[in-house]
Each structure stands twice: as structure tokens, then as C-alpha cells.
Amino acid sequence: MGKEKFSRSKPHCNIGTIGHVDHGKTSLTAAITKVLAETGGATFPACD
């Protein structure tokens, strides 16, 4: 049995962050994901 072909039907955007410790990289990434989730472009996972 072969693998199913992966359908690339959704647009993807890779984001890389570079910065010093405690300069808000995680907060920025979470904010971008939250905005995308509100517009239907992503899912926002709980980080508890």
C-alpha cells in the first residue's frame, strides 16, 4: 500500500523570528496566530 498524495490546497506561510531572550517573540507569534484564527486562516491552540 502506498501513501496517499498530500493535497496542498491551503496556502502556507512560514514565519521565523529572531531576537534576544524575553523580547516578545512568543507573544508576537501567538498574536499573529490569534488574528489569523479570528479571520478563519488558522486554529488557535490553548497554551495552558
Protein backbone atom coordinates (compact mmCIF):
# COMPACT_ATOMS: atom_id res chain seq x y z
CA MET A 1 0.00 0.00 0.00
CA GLY A 2 1.33 3.39 -0.97
CA LYS A 3 0.83 6.65 0.82
CA GLU A 4 -1.95 8.96 -0.25
CA LYS A 5 -0.86 12.04 -2.18
CA PHE A 6 -0.74 15.14 0.02
CA SER A 7 -3.15 17.82 -1.18
CA ARG A 8 -1.62 21.31 -1.00
CA SER A 9 -4.92 23.16 -1.20
CA LYS A 10 -4.35 25.66 1.63
CA PRO A 11 -1.80 28.48 1.41
CA HIS A 12 1.11 28.20 3.82
CA CYS A 13 3.29 30.90 5.30
CA ASN A 14 6.36 30.08 7.36
CA ILE A 15 7.35 32.76 9.84
CA GLY A 16 10.74 32.86 11.53
CA THR A 17 11.51 35.08 14.49
CA ILE A 18 14.94 36.18 15.60
CA GLY A 19 15.52 38.11 18.78
CA HIS A 20 17.04 38.19 22.22
CA VAL A 21 15.59 36.36 25.21
CA ASP A 22 12.45 38.00 26.67
CA HIS A 23 11.85 40.34 23.73
CA GLY A 24 8.36 39.05 22.90
CA LYS A 25 8.93 36.52 20.11
CA THR A 26 6.39 34.04 21.51
CA SER A 27 3.87 36.80 22.25
CA LEU A 28 4.17 38.13 18.70
CA THR A 29 3.73 34.68 17.18
CA ALA A 30 0.69 34.00 19.41
CA ALA A 31 -0.85 37.34 18.42
CA ILE A 32 -0.39 36.62 14.71
CA THR A 33 -1.96 33.17 15.14
CA LYS A 34 -4.90 34.63 17.11
CA VAL A 35 -5.63 37.22 14.40
CA LEU A 36 -5.45 34.54 11.71
CA ALA A 37 -7.79 32.32 13.76
CA GLU A 38 -10.35 35.12 14.03
CA THR A 39 -10.36 35.52 10.24
CA GLY A 40 -10.55 31.76 9.64
CA GLY A 41 -6.97 31.34 8.46
CA ALA A 42 -5.67 29.26 11.37
CA THR A 43 -6.61 27.41 14.53
CA PHE A 44 -5.60 28.89 17.87
CA PRO A 45 -4.43 26.17 20.29
CA ALA A 46 -4.67 26.72 24.03
CA CYS A 47 -1.22 27.07 25.60
CA ASP A 48 -2.16 26.25 29.18
